Amino acid sequence: MSVQNLNTFGLYLYFHPSYYPTHSSPDPFADAADPLAADEPGRQSYIHIRIQQRNGRKTLTTLQGLPKEYDAKKLLKAFKKEFACNGTLVDDEEMGQVLQLQGDQRAKIFAFLTENGISRSSIKLHGF
């Protein structure tokens, strides 16, 4: 098939390199500056609630970025009693203290934190 035949079908435009723009625009997938980022390096302003798939139907809910004024051990004990699940407190070098709970407890943790004085805008809920 010649170029003229391709052009009559409108296919030449899609295959020709001049059809695609070559300008340099900013990356749309680049991380933008976080408007709520804390001034201190290493200090997080958001509380992140995530879910991780383990094996089969088993999941793990993690909570990180908890402010220093909250006692993580007492909070973990309250979560375990309220949600009837097991959990642990993990000290990570990058993330700081991370609470891990068995099962999908994202909605329950979100409701618990908002009922106890943490604003909804400072909590980020992640997961599938």
N, C-alpha and C. Protein backbone atom coordinates (compact mmCIF):
# COMPACT_ATOMS: atom_id res chain seq x y z
N MET A 1 0.84 -1.17 0.00
CA MET A 1 0.00 0.00 0.00
C MET A 1 0.90 1.24 0.00
N SER A 2 0.62 2.17 -0.85
CA SER A 2 1.44 3.37 -0.95
C SER A 2 0.96 4.41 0.07
N VAL A 3 1.74 5.47 0.19
CA VAL A 3 1.41 6.55 1.11
C VAL A 3 0.11 7.23 0.68
N GLN A 4 -0.11 7.33 -0.60
CA GLN A 4 -1.32 7.98 -1.08
C GLN A 4 -2.56 7.17 -0.70
N ASN A 5 -2.46 5.86 -0.79
CA ASN A 5 -3.58 5.01 -0.40
C ASN A 5 -3.85 5.11 1.10
N LEU A 6 -2.77 5.16 1.89
CA LEU A 6 -2.94 5.30 3.33
C LEU A 6 -3.59 6.63 3.68
N ASN A 7 -3.18 7.68 2.96
CA ASN A 7 -3.72 9.00 3.23
C ASN A 7 -5.20 9.08 2.88
N THR A 8 -5.63 8.36 1.87
CA THR A 8 -7.05 8.39 1.50
C THR A 8 -7.90 7.74 2.58
N PHE A 9 -7.32 6.77 3.30
CA PHE A 9 -8.07 6.14 4.39
C PHE A 9 -7.91 6.90 5.71
N GLY A 10 -7.08 7.91 5.73
CA GLY A 10 -6.87 8.67 6.95
C GLY A 10 -5.92 7.99 7.91
N LEU A 11 -5.24 6.94 7.45
CA LEU A 11 -4.34 6.21 8.33
C LEU A 11 -2.94 6.79 8.35
N TYR A 12 -2.60 7.56 7.33
CA TYR A 12 -1.26 8.12 7.23
C TYR A 12 -0.98 9.03 8.41
N LEU A 13 -1.97 9.76 8.86
CA LEU A 13 -1.79 10.69 9.98
C LEU A 13 -1.38 9.96 11.25
N TYR A 14 -1.95 8.80 11.48
CA TYR A 14 -1.67 8.08 12.72
C TYR A 14 -0.29 7.44 12.73
N PHE A 15 0.22 7.09 11.56
CA PHE A 15 1.50 6.40 11.51
C PHE A 15 2.67 7.33 11.25
N HIS A 16 2.39 8.52 10.79
CA HIS A 16 3.48 9.44 10.45
C HIS A 16 4.01 10.11 11.72
N PRO A 17 5.35 10.19 11.86
CA PRO A 17 5.93 10.80 13.07
C PRO A 17 5.59 12.27 13.24
N SER A 18 5.29 12.98 12.17
CA SER A 18 4.98 14.39 12.31
C SER A 18 3.59 14.61 12.92
N TYR A 19 2.81 13.55 13.03
CA TYR A 19 1.47 13.66 13.63
C TYR A 19 1.56 13.87 15.14
N TYR A 20 2.60 13.35 15.76
CA TYR A 20 2.74 13.43 17.21
C TYR A 20 3.53 14.67 17.59
N PRO A 21 3.08 15.43 18.57
CA PRO A 21 3.79 16.65 18.96
C PRO A 21 5.12 16.30 19.62
N THR A 22 6.10 17.16 19.41
CA THR A 22 7.43 16.93 19.98
C THR A 22 7.82 18.03 20.95
N HIS A 23 6.86 18.82 21.40
CA HIS A 23 7.18 19.90 22.32
C HIS A 23 7.48 19.30 23.70
N SER A 24 8.20 20.06 24.50
CA SER A 24 8.53 19.58 25.85
C SER A 24 7.59 20.25 26.83
N SER A 25 6.66 19.48 27.32
CA SER A 25 5.71 19.99 28.30
C SER A 25 6.04 19.37 29.66
N PRO A 26 5.56 19.97 30.74
CA PRO A 26 5.82 19.38 32.05
C PRO A 26 5.17 18.00 32.17
N ASP A 27 5.79 17.17 32.94
CA ASP A 27 5.32 15.80 33.12
C ASP A 27 4.00 15.80 33.89
N PRO A 28 2.91 15.30 33.31
CA PRO A 28 1.63 15.32 34.03
C PRO A 28 1.58 14.33 35.19
N PHE A 29 2.50 13.36 35.18
CA PHE A 29 2.50 12.35 36.23
C PHE A 29 3.51 12.64 37.33
N ALA A 30 4.23 13.73 37.22
CA ALA A 30 5.21 14.09 38.24
C ALA A 30 4.47 14.50 39.51
N ASP A 31 5.08 14.24 40.65
CA ASP A 31 4.47 14.61 41.93
C ASP A 31 4.55 16.11 42.12
N ALA A 32 3.40 16.70 42.33
CA ALA A 32 3.34 18.13 42.58
C ALA A 32 3.73 18.39 44.03
N ALA A 33 4.09 19.60 44.32
CA ALA A 33 4.44 19.96 45.70
C ALA A 33 3.20 19.78 46.57
N ASP A 34 3.38 19.17 47.71
CA ASP A 34 2.28 18.89 48.62
C ASP A 34 1.91 20.17 49.36
N PRO A 35 0.68 20.68 49.20
CA PRO A 35 0.32 21.94 49.84
C PRO A 35 0.25 21.84 51.36
N LEU A 36 0.05 20.65 51.89
CA LEU A 36 -0.03 20.47 53.34
C LEU A 36 1.25 19.88 53.92
N ALA A 37 2.33 19.93 53.17
CA ALA A 37 3.59 19.35 53.64
C ALA A 37 4.11 20.14 54.84
N ALA A 38 4.66 19.41 55.78
CA ALA A 38 5.19 20.04 56.99
C ALA A 38 6.52 20.71 56.69
N ASP A 39 6.88 21.68 57.52
CA ASP A 39 8.13 22.40 57.32
C ASP A 39 9.33 21.55 57.70
N GLU A 40 9.18 20.69 58.69
CA GLU A 40 10.28 19.86 59.14
C GLU A 40 10.50 18.70 58.17
N PRO A 41 11.75 18.41 57.83
CA PRO A 41 11.99 17.26 56.97
C PRO A 41 11.73 15.97 57.75
N GLY A 42 11.11 15.02 57.10
CA GLY A 42 10.82 13.75 57.75
C GLY A 42 9.51 13.74 58.51
N ARG A 43 8.88 14.87 58.70
CA ARG A 43 7.61 14.96 59.42
C ARG A 43 6.47 14.94 58.42
N GLN A 44 5.51 14.06 58.62
CA GLN A 44 4.39 13.94 57.70
C GLN A 44 3.21 14.74 58.24
N SER A 45 2.44 15.28 57.33
CA SER A 45 1.26 16.01 57.77
C SER A 45 0.00 15.19 57.55
N TYR A 46 0.07 14.16 56.73
CA TYR A 46 -1.08 13.30 56.48
C TYR A 46 -0.97 12.01 57.28
N ILE A 47 -2.12 11.48 57.62
CA ILE A 47 -2.18 10.14 58.19
C ILE A 47 -2.62 9.23 57.04
N HIS A 48 -1.82 8.25 56.72
CA HIS A 48 -2.10 7.36 55.60
C HIS A 48 -2.64 6.03 56.11
N ILE A 49 -3.79 5.63 55.56
CA ILE A 49 -4.39 4.34 55.88
C ILE A 49 -4.38 3.53 54.60
N ARG A 50 -3.63 2.41 54.61
CA ARG A 50 -3.47 1.60 53.41
C ARG A 50 -3.87 0.16 53.68
N ILE A 51 -4.12 -0.56 52.60
CA ILE A 51 -4.40 -1.99 52.69
C ILE A 51 -3.38 -2.72 51.82
N GLN A 52 -2.90 -3.85 52.32
CA GLN A 52 -1.96 -4.67 51.57
C GLN A 52 -2.52 -6.08 51.47
N GLN A 53 -2.40 -6.66 50.29
CA GLN A 53 -2.85 -8.03 50.09
C GLN A 53 -1.76 -8.97 50.58
N ARG A 54 -2.14 -9.94 51.38
CA ARG A 54 -1.17 -10.94 51.84
C ARG A 54 -1.24 -12.16 50.94
N ASN A 55 -1.90 -13.20 51.38
CA ASN A 55 -2.05 -14.38 50.53
C ASN A 55 -3.51 -14.81 50.56
N GLY A 56 -4.01 -15.12 49.38
CA GLY A 56 -5.42 -15.50 49.28
C GLY A 56 -6.32 -14.32 49.59
N ARG A 57 -7.22 -14.51 50.54
CA ARG A 57 -8.14 -13.44 50.92
C ARG A 57 -7.64 -12.62 52.10
N LYS A 58 -6.47 -12.93 52.60
CA LYS A 58 -5.93 -12.26 53.79
C LYS A 58 -5.39 -10.87 53.43
N THR A 59 -5.73 -9.89 54.25
CA THR A 59 -5.25 -8.52 54.02
C THR A 59 -4.66 -7.96 55.31
N LEU A 60 -3.92 -6.88 55.14
CA LEU A 60 -3.26 -6.20 56.24
C LEU A 60 -3.52 -4.72 56.08
N THR A 61 -4.01 -4.05 57.12
CA THR A 61 -4.26 -2.61 57.08
C THR A 61 -3.13 -1.92 57.83
N THR A 62 -2.54 -0.90 57.21
CA THR A 62 -1.45 -0.16 57.86
C THR A 62 -1.86 1.29 58.06
N LEU A 63 -1.40 1.86 59.15
CA LEU A 63 -1.65 3.25 59.50
C LEU A 63 -0.31 3.89 59.79
N GLN A 64 0.02 4.95 59.05
CA GLN A 64 1.29 5.64 59.29
C GLN A 64 1.09 7.13 59.25
N GLY A 65 2.05 7.85 59.82
CA GLY A 65 1.99 9.30 59.84
C GLY A 65 1.19 9.86 61.01
N LEU A 66 1.03 9.06 62.04
CA LEU A 66 0.28 9.49 63.22
C LEU A 66 1.05 10.60 63.93
N PRO A 67 0.39 11.69 64.30
CA PRO A 67 1.10 12.78 65.01
C PRO A 67 1.71 12.30 66.33
N LYS A 68 2.74 12.98 66.76
CA LYS A 68 3.49 12.57 67.96
C LYS A 68 2.67 12.67 69.24
N GLU A 69 1.64 13.53 69.26
CA GLU A 69 0.86 13.70 70.49
C GLU A 69 -0.04 12.51 70.79
N TYR A 70 -0.18 11.58 69.84
CA TYR A 70 -0.99 10.38 70.07
C TYR A 70 -0.07 9.22 70.43
N ASP A 71 -0.43 8.50 71.48
CA ASP A 71 0.34 7.34 71.89
C ASP A 71 -0.05 6.16 71.02
N ALA A 72 0.90 5.68 70.22
CA ALA A 72 0.62 4.62 69.25
C ALA A 72 0.25 3.31 69.94
N LYS A 73 0.88 3.01 71.07
CA LYS A 73 0.58 1.76 71.77
C LYS A 73 -0.84 1.75 72.32
N LYS A 74 -1.27 2.86 72.90
CA LYS A 74 -2.63 2.94 73.44
C LYS A 74 -3.66 2.91 72.31
N LEU A 75 -3.33 3.58 71.21
CA LEU A 75 -4.22 3.58 70.06
C LEU A 75 -4.35 2.18 69.46
N LEU A 76 -3.24 1.47 69.37
CA LEU A 76 -3.27 0.11 68.86
C LEU A 76 -4.10 -0.80 69.76
N LYS A 77 -3.97 -0.63 71.05
CA LYS A 77 -4.74 -1.43 72.00
C LYS A 77 -6.25 -1.15 71.83
N ALA A 78 -6.59 0.12 71.64
CA ALA A 78 -8.00 0.48 71.43
C ALA A 78 -8.53 -0.08 70.11
N PHE A 79 -7.70 -0.03 69.06
CA PHE A 79 -8.10 -0.60 67.77
C PHE A 79 -8.35 -2.09 67.88
N LYS A 80 -7.45 -2.79 68.53
CA LYS A 80 -7.58 -4.24 68.65
C LYS A 80 -8.83 -4.63 69.42
N LYS A 81 -9.14 -3.87 70.45
CA LYS A 81 -10.32 -4.18 71.25
C LYS A 81 -11.60 -3.80 70.51
N GLU A 82 -11.60 -2.65 69.85
CA GLU A 82 -12.79 -2.15 69.16
C GLU A 82 -13.13 -2.98 67.92
N PHE A 83 -12.10 -3.35 67.15
CA PHE A 83 -12.32 -4.02 65.86
C PHE A 83 -12.22 -5.54 65.94
N ALA A 84 -11.89 -6.08 67.10
CA ALA A 84 -11.75 -7.54 67.31
C ALA A 84 -10.78 -8.14 66.29
N CYS A 85 -9.59 -7.56 66.22
CA CYS A 85 -8.56 -8.08 65.32
C CYS A 85 -7.22 -7.98 66.03
N ASN A 86 -6.23 -8.63 65.48
CA ASN A 86 -4.89 -8.55 66.03
C ASN A 86 -4.12 -7.45 65.31
N GLY A 87 -3.08 -6.96 65.95
CA GLY A 87 -2.28 -5.91 65.34
C GLY A 87 -0.92 -5.80 65.99
N THR A 88 -0.05 -5.04 65.35
CA THR A 88 1.29 -4.85 65.87
C THR A 88 1.78 -3.45 65.52
N LEU A 89 2.82 -3.02 66.22
CA LEU A 89 3.44 -1.72 66.00
C LEU A 89 4.85 -1.96 65.46
N VAL A 90 5.13 -1.45 64.27
CA VAL A 90 6.41 -1.67 63.61
C VAL A 90 7.15 -0.35 63.52
N ASP A 91 8.42 -0.35 63.93
CA ASP A 91 9.26 0.84 63.79
C ASP A 91 10.04 0.74 62.49
N ASP A 92 9.77 1.66 61.56
CA ASP A 92 10.42 1.68 60.26
C ASP A 92 11.34 2.89 60.22
N GLU A 93 12.50 2.75 59.55
CA GLU A 93 13.45 3.86 59.48
C GLU A 93 12.90 5.02 58.65
N GLU A 94 12.27 4.73 57.53
CA GLU A 94 11.74 5.79 56.67
C GLU A 94 10.37 6.28 57.13
N MET A 95 9.48 5.36 57.47
CA MET A 95 8.09 5.70 57.76
C MET A 95 7.82 6.04 59.21
N GLY A 96 8.73 5.75 60.10
CA GLY A 96 8.49 5.97 61.52
C GLY A 96 7.70 4.81 62.10
N GLN A 97 6.78 5.09 63.01
CA GLN A 97 5.96 4.04 63.61
C GLN A 97 4.78 3.74 62.69
N VAL A 98 4.61 2.46 62.39
CA VAL A 98 3.52 2.01 61.52
C VAL A 98 2.69 1.00 62.30
N LEU A 99 1.39 1.26 62.37
CA LEU A 99 0.47 0.32 63.00
C LEU A 99 -0.03 -0.64 61.94
N GLN A 100 0.00 -1.94 62.23
CA GLN A 100 -0.50 -2.95 61.31
C GLN A 100 -1.64 -3.70 61.97
N LEU A 101 -2.75 -3.82 61.27
CA LEU A 101 -3.92 -4.53 61.78
C LEU A 101 -4.32 -5.61 60.78
N GLN A 102 -4.79 -6.74 61.29
CA GLN A 102 -5.24 -7.81 60.42
C GLN A 102 -6.60 -7.48 59.82
N GLY A 103 -6.77 -7.79 58.55
CA GLY A 103 -8.04 -7.58 57.88
C GLY A 103 -8.16 -6.19 57.29
N ASP A 104 -9.29 -5.96 56.62
CA ASP A 104 -9.56 -4.66 56.01
C ASP A 104 -10.28 -3.79 57.03
N GLN A 105 -9.53 -2.95 57.72
CA GLN A 105 -10.06 -2.09 58.78
C GLN A 105 -10.03 -0.62 58.39
N ARG A 106 -9.91 -0.31 57.11
CA ARG A 106 -9.73 1.08 56.68
C ARG A 106 -10.90 1.98 57.09
N ALA A 107 -12.12 1.56 56.80
CA ALA A 107 -13.29 2.39 57.11
C ALA A 107 -13.45 2.55 58.62
N LYS A 108 -13.18 1.50 59.37
CA LYS A 108 -13.32 1.56 60.82
C LYS A 108 -12.28 2.49 61.44
N ILE A 109 -11.05 2.42 60.94
CA ILE A 109 -9.99 3.31 61.45
C ILE A 109 -10.32 4.75 61.11
N PHE A 110 -10.78 4.99 59.88
CA PHE A 110 -11.14 6.35 59.45
C PHE A 110 -12.24 6.91 60.35
N ALA A 111 -13.28 6.12 60.61
CA ALA A 111 -14.37 6.58 61.47
C ALA A 111 -13.89 6.82 62.90
N PHE A 112 -13.05 5.93 63.41
CA PHE A 112 -12.53 6.06 64.77
C PHE A 112 -11.71 7.34 64.92
N LEU A 113 -10.84 7.62 63.96
CA LEU A 113 -9.99 8.80 64.05
C LEU A 113 -10.79 10.09 63.91
N THR A 114 -11.77 10.11 63.02
CA THR A 114 -12.57 11.33 62.85
C THR A 114 -13.47 11.58 64.06
N GLU A 115 -13.94 10.52 64.70
CA GLU A 115 -14.75 10.69 65.91
C GLU A 115 -13.93 11.21 67.08
N ASN A 116 -12.63 10.95 67.05
CA ASN A 116 -11.77 11.34 68.16
C ASN A 116 -10.92 12.58 67.86
N GLY A 117 -11.41 13.46 66.99
CA GLY A 117 -10.82 14.78 66.87
C GLY A 117 -9.82 14.99 65.76
N ILE A 118 -9.56 14.02 64.91
CA ILE A 118 -8.63 14.24 63.80
C ILE A 118 -9.46 14.64 62.58
N SER A 119 -9.05 15.71 61.91
CA SER A 119 -9.84 16.22 60.79
C SER A 119 -9.77 15.27 59.60
N ARG A 120 -10.86 15.24 58.84
CA ARG A 120 -10.95 14.36 57.67
C ARG A 120 -9.93 14.75 56.60
N SER A 121 -9.60 16.03 56.52
CA SER A 121 -8.68 16.48 55.47
C SER A 121 -7.24 16.05 55.72
N SER A 122 -6.92 15.64 56.93
CA SER A 122 -5.55 15.21 57.22
C SER A 122 -5.39 13.70 57.11
N ILE A 123 -6.45 12.99 56.72
CA ILE A 123 -6.39 11.54 56.59
C ILE A 123 -6.53 11.16 55.12
N LYS A 124 -5.59 10.35 54.63
CA LYS A 124 -5.65 9.86 53.26
C LYS A 124 -5.93 8.37 53.30
N LEU A 125 -6.98 7.96 52.60
CA LEU A 125 -7.40 6.57 52.55
C LEU A 125 -6.95 5.99 51.21
N HIS A 126 -6.11 4.95 51.26
CA HIS A 126 -5.58 4.32 50.04
C HIS A 126 -6.12 2.91 49.92
N GLY A 127 -6.03 2.34 48.74
CA GLY A 127 -6.39 0.94 48.57
C GLY A 127 -7.26 0.71 47.37
N PHE A 128 -7.60 -0.55 47.19
CA PHE A 128 -8.37 -0.94 46.02
C PHE A 128 -9.81 -0.86 46.25
